[in-house]
Amino acid sequence: MKKAALILGIIFLVLTFVGGGYVLINHGQVNAGYAVVPGTWAMVCFGFYRSGKRD
């Protein structure tokens, strides 16, 4: 379970940067949620990973 949290955290982190780039390319005219939502999930996954919980 801990490894899955790490993998999901990395995926969401990449999606955060892609979403941030998309917002910047469109000069902020699109919803910032494209970067914020995956960033929130990345923090949740990394927090679960760092908490040390195991199966």
PDB file of N, CA and C in Angstrom:
ATOM      1  N   MET A   1       0.822  -1.191   0.000  1.00  0.00           N
ATOM      2  CA  MET A   1       0.000   0.000   0.000  1.00  0.00           C
ATOM      3  C   MET A   1       0.873   1.266   0.000  1.00  0.00           C
ATOM      4  N   LYS A   2       1.999   1.175   0.717  1.00  0.00           N
ATOM      5  CA  LYS A   2       2.888   2.322   0.782  1.00  0.00           C
ATOM      6  C   LYS A   2       3.498   2.626  -0.585  1.00  0.00           C
ATOM      7  N   LYS A   3       3.844   1.581  -1.321  1.00  0.00           N
ATOM      8  CA  LYS A   3       4.419   1.767  -2.656  1.00  0.00           C
ATOM      9  C   LYS A   3       3.384   2.371  -3.611  1.00  0.00           C
ATOM     10  N   ALA A   4       2.141   1.954  -3.480  1.00  0.00           N
ATOM     11  CA  ALA A   4       1.067   2.497  -4.322  1.00  0.00           C
ATOM     12  C   ALA A   4       0.870   3.984  -4.045  1.00  0.00           C
ATOM     13  N   ALA A   5       0.971   4.382  -2.781  1.00  0.00           N
ATOM     14  CA  ALA A   5       0.828   5.795  -2.435  1.00  0.00           C
ATOM     15  C   ALA A   5       1.960   6.612  -3.051  1.00  0.00           C
ATOM     16  N   LEU A   6       3.165   6.073  -3.053  1.00  0.00           N
ATOM     17  CA  LEU A   6       4.296   6.770  -3.660  1.00  0.00           C
ATOM     18  C   LEU A   6       4.095   6.926  -5.170  1.00  0.00           C
ATOM     19  N   ILE A   7       3.684   5.872  -5.826  1.00  0.00           N
ATOM     20  CA  ILE A   7       3.476   5.921  -7.279  1.00  0.00           C
ATOM     21  C   ILE A   7       2.366   6.906  -7.635  1.00  0.00           C
ATOM     22  N   LEU A   8       1.252   6.846  -6.903  1.00  0.00           N
ATOM     23  CA  LEU A   8       0.158   7.789  -7.159  1.00  0.00           C
ATOM     24  C   LEU A   8       0.589   9.222  -6.871  1.00  0.00           C
ATOM     25  N   GLY A   9       1.385   9.417  -5.829  1.00  0.00           N
ATOM     26  CA  GLY A   9       1.874  10.754  -5.524  1.00  0.00           C
ATOM     27  C   GLY A   9       2.716  11.315  -6.648  1.00  0.00           C
ATOM     28  N   ILE A  10       3.572  10.493  -7.223  1.00  0.00           N
ATOM     29  CA  ILE A  10       4.412  10.943  -8.338  1.00  0.00           C
ATOM     30  C   ILE A  10       3.560  11.265  -9.559  1.00  0.00           C
ATOM     31  N   ILE A  11       2.572  10.430  -9.837  1.00  0.00           N
ATOM     32  CA  ILE A  11       1.679  10.689 -10.980  1.00  0.00           C
ATOM     33  C   ILE A  11       0.932  11.998 -10.792  1.00  0.00           C
ATOM     34  N   PHE A  12       0.385  12.216  -9.590  1.00  0.00           N
ATOM     35  CA  PHE A  12      -0.347  13.458  -9.338  1.00  0.00           C
ATOM     36  C   PHE A  12       0.576  14.668  -9.351  1.00  0.00           C
ATOM     37  N   LEU A  13       1.825  14.497  -8.931  1.00  0.00           N
ATOM     38  CA  LEU A  13       2.777  15.604  -8.979  1.00  0.00           C
ATOM     39  C   LEU A  13       3.056  16.009 -10.428  1.00  0.00           C
ATOM     40  N   VAL A  14       3.214  15.028 -11.290  1.00  0.00           N
ATOM     41  CA  VAL A  14       3.423  15.319 -12.720  1.00  0.00           C
ATOM     42  C   VAL A  14       2.189  16.017 -13.292  1.00  0.00           C
ATOM     43  N   LEU A  15       1.003  15.529 -12.930  1.00  0.00           N
ATOM     44  CA  LEU A  15      -0.228  16.167 -13.414  1.00  0.00           C
ATOM     45  C   LEU A  15      -0.359  17.600 -12.904  1.00  0.00           C
ATOM     46  N   THR A  16       0.151  17.867 -11.712  1.00  0.00           N
ATOM     47  CA  THR A  16       0.130  19.224 -11.169  1.00  0.00           C
ATOM     48  C   THR A  16       0.954  20.162 -12.032  1.00  0.00           C
ATOM     49  N   PHE A  17       2.161  19.721 -12.396  1.00  0.00           N
ATOM     50  CA  PHE A  17       3.009  20.571 -13.234  1.00  0.00           C
ATOM     51  C   PHE A  17       2.445  20.725 -14.642  1.00  0.00           C
ATOM     52  N   VAL A  18       1.854  19.672 -15.174  1.00  0.00           N
ATOM     53  CA  VAL A  18       1.228  19.771 -16.498  1.00  0.00           C
ATOM     54  C   VAL A  18       0.051  20.741 -16.441  1.00  0.00           C
ATOM     55  N   GLY A  19      -0.763  20.629 -15.399  1.00  0.00           N
ATOM     56  CA  GLY A  19      -1.899  21.546 -15.245  1.00  0.00           C
ATOM     57  C   GLY A  19      -1.444  22.977 -15.045  1.00  0.00           C
ATOM     58  N   GLY A  20      -0.382  23.174 -14.267  1.00  0.00           N
ATOM     59  CA  GLY A  20       0.156  24.525 -14.094  1.00  0.00           C
ATOM     60  C   GLY A  20       0.669  25.107 -15.396  1.00  0.00           C
ATOM     61  N   GLY A  21       1.338  24.286 -16.187  1.00  0.00           N
ATOM     62  CA  GLY A  21       1.802  24.733 -17.498  1.00  0.00           C
ATOM     63  C   GLY A  21       0.649  25.078 -18.418  1.00  0.00           C
ATOM     64  N   TYR A  22      -0.414  24.287 -18.356  1.00  0.00           N
ATOM     65  CA  TYR A  22      -1.604  24.557 -19.177  1.00  0.00           C
ATOM     66  C   TYR A  22      -2.238  25.893 -18.800  1.00  0.00           C
ATOM     67  N   VAL A  23      -2.312  26.161 -17.505  1.00  0.00           N
ATOM     68  CA  VAL A  23      -2.866  27.438 -17.047  1.00  0.00           C
ATOM     69  C   VAL A  23      -1.980  28.591 -17.507  1.00  0.00           C
ATOM     70  N   LEU A  24      -0.661  28.437 -17.396  1.00  0.00           N
ATOM     71  CA  LEU A  24       0.245  29.508 -17.805  1.00  0.00           C
ATOM     72  C   LEU A  24       0.216  29.734 -19.314  1.00  0.00           C
ATOM     73  N   ILE A  25       0.136  28.657 -20.089  1.00  0.00           N
ATOM     74  CA  ILE A  25       0.097  28.793 -21.547  1.00  0.00           C
ATOM     75  C   ILE A  25      -1.150  29.553 -21.986  1.00  0.00           C
ATOM     76  N   ASN A  26      -2.249  29.353 -21.262  1.00  0.00           N
ATOM     77  CA  ASN A  26      -3.502  30.033 -21.594  1.00  0.00           C
ATOM     78  C   ASN A  26      -3.660  31.364 -20.859  1.00  0.00           C
ATOM     79  N   HIS A  27      -2.562  31.893 -20.328  1.00  0.00           N
ATOM     80  CA  HIS A  27      -2.526  33.205 -19.686  1.00  0.00           C
ATOM     81  C   HIS A  27      -3.531  33.334 -18.549  1.00  0.00           C
ATOM     82  N   GLY A  28      -3.777  32.252 -17.840  1.00  0.00           N
ATOM     83  CA  GLY A  28      -4.658  32.280 -16.679  1.00  0.00           C
ATOM     84  C   GLY A  28      -6.136  32.361 -17.000  1.00  0.00           C
ATOM     85  N   GLN A  29      -6.491  32.177 -18.252  1.00  0.00           N
ATOM     86  CA  GLN A  29      -7.898  32.263 -18.645  1.00  0.00           C
ATOM     87  C   GLN A  29      -8.677  30.983 -18.362  1.00  0.00           C
ATOM     88  N   VAL A  30      -7.981  29.905 -18.073  1.00  0.00           N
ATOM     89  CA  VAL A  30      -8.641  28.640 -17.726  1.00  0.00           C
ATOM     90  C   VAL A  30      -8.618  28.480 -16.216  1.00  0.00           C
ATOM     91  N   ASN A  31      -9.387  27.537 -15.735  1.00  0.00           N
ATOM     92  CA  ASN A  31      -9.542  27.308 -14.303  1.00  0.00           C
ATOM     93  C   ASN A  31      -8.233  26.822 -13.687  1.00  0.00           C
ATOM     94  N   ALA A  32      -7.839  27.414 -12.567  1.00  0.00           N
ATOM     95  CA  ALA A  32      -6.617  27.010 -11.876  1.00  0.00           C
ATOM     96  C   ALA A  32      -6.757  25.635 -11.236  1.00  0.00           C
ATOM     97  N   GLY A  33      -7.955  25.091 -11.200  1.00  0.00           N
ATOM     98  CA  GLY A  33      -8.186  23.764 -10.655  1.00  0.00           C
ATOM     99  C   GLY A  33      -7.433  22.674 -11.399  1.00  0.00           C
ATOM    100  N   TYR A  34      -7.042  22.967 -12.642  1.00  0.00           N
ATOM    101  CA  TYR A  34      -6.246  21.997 -13.394  1.00  0.00           C
ATOM    102  C   TYR A  34      -4.921  21.710 -12.692  1.00  0.00           C
ATOM    103  N   ALA A  35      -4.428  22.640 -11.899  1.00  0.00           N
ATOM    104  CA  ALA A  35      -3.189  22.432 -11.155  1.00  0.00           C
ATOM    105  C   ALA A  35      -3.450  22.154  -9.682  1.00  0.00           C
ATOM    106  N   VAL A  36      -4.488  22.746  -9.121  1.00  0.00           N
ATOM    107  CA  VAL A  36      -4.719  22.661  -7.674  1.00  0.00           C
ATOM    108  C   VAL A  36      -5.245  21.293  -7.256  1.00  0.00           C
ATOM    109  N   VAL A  37      -6.163  20.738  -8.017  1.00  0.00           N
ATOM    110  CA  VAL A  37      -6.773  19.458  -7.630  1.00  0.00           C
ATOM    111  C   VAL A  37      -5.744  18.326  -7.606  1.00  0.00           C
ATOM    112  N   PRO A  38      -4.956  18.120  -8.674  1.00  0.00           N
ATOM    113  CA  PRO A  38      -3.947  17.057  -8.567  1.00  0.00           C
ATOM    114  C   PRO A  38      -2.868  17.368  -7.534  1.00  0.00           C
ATOM    115  N   GLY A  39      -2.596  18.661  -7.288  1.00  0.00           N
ATOM    116  CA  GLY A  39      -1.628  19.019  -6.260  1.00  0.00           C
ATOM    117  C   GLY A  39      -2.100  18.616  -4.874  1.00  0.00           C
ATOM    118  N   THR A  40      -3.384  18.775  -4.648  1.00  0.00           N
ATOM    119  CA  THR A  40      -3.963  18.359  -3.366  1.00  0.00           C
ATOM    120  C   THR A  40      -3.861  16.855  -3.188  1.00  0.00           C
ATOM    121  N   TRP A  41      -4.194  16.118  -4.230  1.00  0.00           N
ATOM    122  CA  TRP A  41      -4.095  14.655  -4.140  1.00  0.00           C
ATOM    123  C   TRP A  41      -2.652  14.188  -3.994  1.00  0.00           C
ATOM    124  N   ALA A  42      -1.717  14.914  -4.618  1.00  0.00           N
ATOM    125  CA  ALA A  42      -0.303  14.568  -4.458  1.00  0.00           C
ATOM    126  C   ALA A  42       0.119  14.735  -3.005  1.00  0.00           C
ATOM    127  N   MET A  43      -0.323  15.818  -2.362  1.00  0.00           N
ATOM    128  CA  MET A  43       0.021  16.026  -0.951  1.00  0.00           C
ATOM    129  C   MET A  43      -0.581  14.945  -0.068  1.00  0.00           C
ATOM    130  N   VAL A  44      -1.803  14.525  -0.379  1.00  0.00           N
ATOM    131  CA  VAL A  44      -2.443  13.460   0.394  1.00  0.00           C
ATOM    132  C   VAL A  44      -1.662  12.152   0.246  1.00  0.00           C
ATOM    133  N   CYS A  45      -1.300  11.814  -0.987  1.00  0.00           N
ATOM    134  CA  CYS A  45      -0.577  10.561  -1.230  1.00  0.00           C
ATOM    135  C   CYS A  45       0.804  10.576  -0.585  1.00  0.00           C
ATOM    136  N   PHE A  46       1.533  11.689  -0.706  1.00  0.00           N
ATOM    137  CA  PHE A  46       2.853  11.762  -0.090  1.00  0.00           C
ATOM    138  C   PHE A  46       2.752  11.774   1.431  1.00  0.00           C
ATOM    139  N   GLY A  47       1.699  12.394   1.959  1.00  0.00           N
ATOM    140  CA  GLY A  47       1.497  12.365   3.405  1.00  0.00           C
ATOM    141  C   GLY A  47       1.239  10.959   3.903  1.00  0.00           C
ATOM    142  N   PHE A  48       0.443  10.205   3.148  1.00  0.00           N
ATOM    143  CA  PHE A  48       0.196   8.813   3.516  1.00  0.00           C
ATOM    144  C   PHE A  48       1.478   7.997   3.414  1.00  0.00           C
ATOM    145  N   TYR A  49       2.271   8.267   2.404  1.00  0.00           N
ATOM    146  CA  TYR A  49       3.530   7.548   2.221  1.00  0.00           C
ATOM    147  C   TYR A  49       4.499   7.830   3.383  1.00  0.00           C
ATOM    148  N   ARG A  50       4.575   9.090   3.788  1.00  0.00           N
ATOM    149  CA  ARG A  50       5.503   9.471   4.851  1.00  0.00           C
ATOM    150  C   ARG A  50       5.035   9.050   6.239  1.00  0.00           C
ATOM    151  N   SER A  51       3.744   8.776   6.392  1.00  0.00           N
ATOM    152  CA  SER A  51       3.235   8.419   7.719  1.00  0.00           C
ATOM    153  C   SER A  51       3.749   7.054   8.170  1.00  0.00           C
ATOM    154  N   GLY A  52       4.230   6.245   7.232  1.00  0.00           N
ATOM    155  CA  GLY A  52       4.834   4.960   7.592  1.00  0.00           C
ATOM    156  C   GLY A  52       3.852   3.836   7.726  1.00  0.00           C
ATOM    157  N   LYS A  53       2.625   4.031   7.331  1.00  0.00           N
ATOM    158  CA  LYS A  53       1.639   2.948   7.435  1.00  0.00           C
ATOM    159  C   LYS A  53       1.964   1.869   6.409  1.00  0.00           C
ATOM    160  N   ARG A  54       1.805   0.640   6.832  1.00  0.00           N
ATOM    161  CA  ARG A  54       2.070  -0.498   5.948  1.00  0.00           C
ATOM    162  C   ARG A  54       0.852  -1.397   5.904  1.00  0.00           C
ATOM    163  N   ASP A  55       0.846  -2.333   4.957  1.00  0.00           N
ATOM    164  CA  ASP A  55      -0.297  -3.251   4.845  1.00  0.00           C
ATOM    165  C   ASP A  55      -0.400  -4.094   6.089  1.00  0.00           C
TER     166      ASP A  55
END
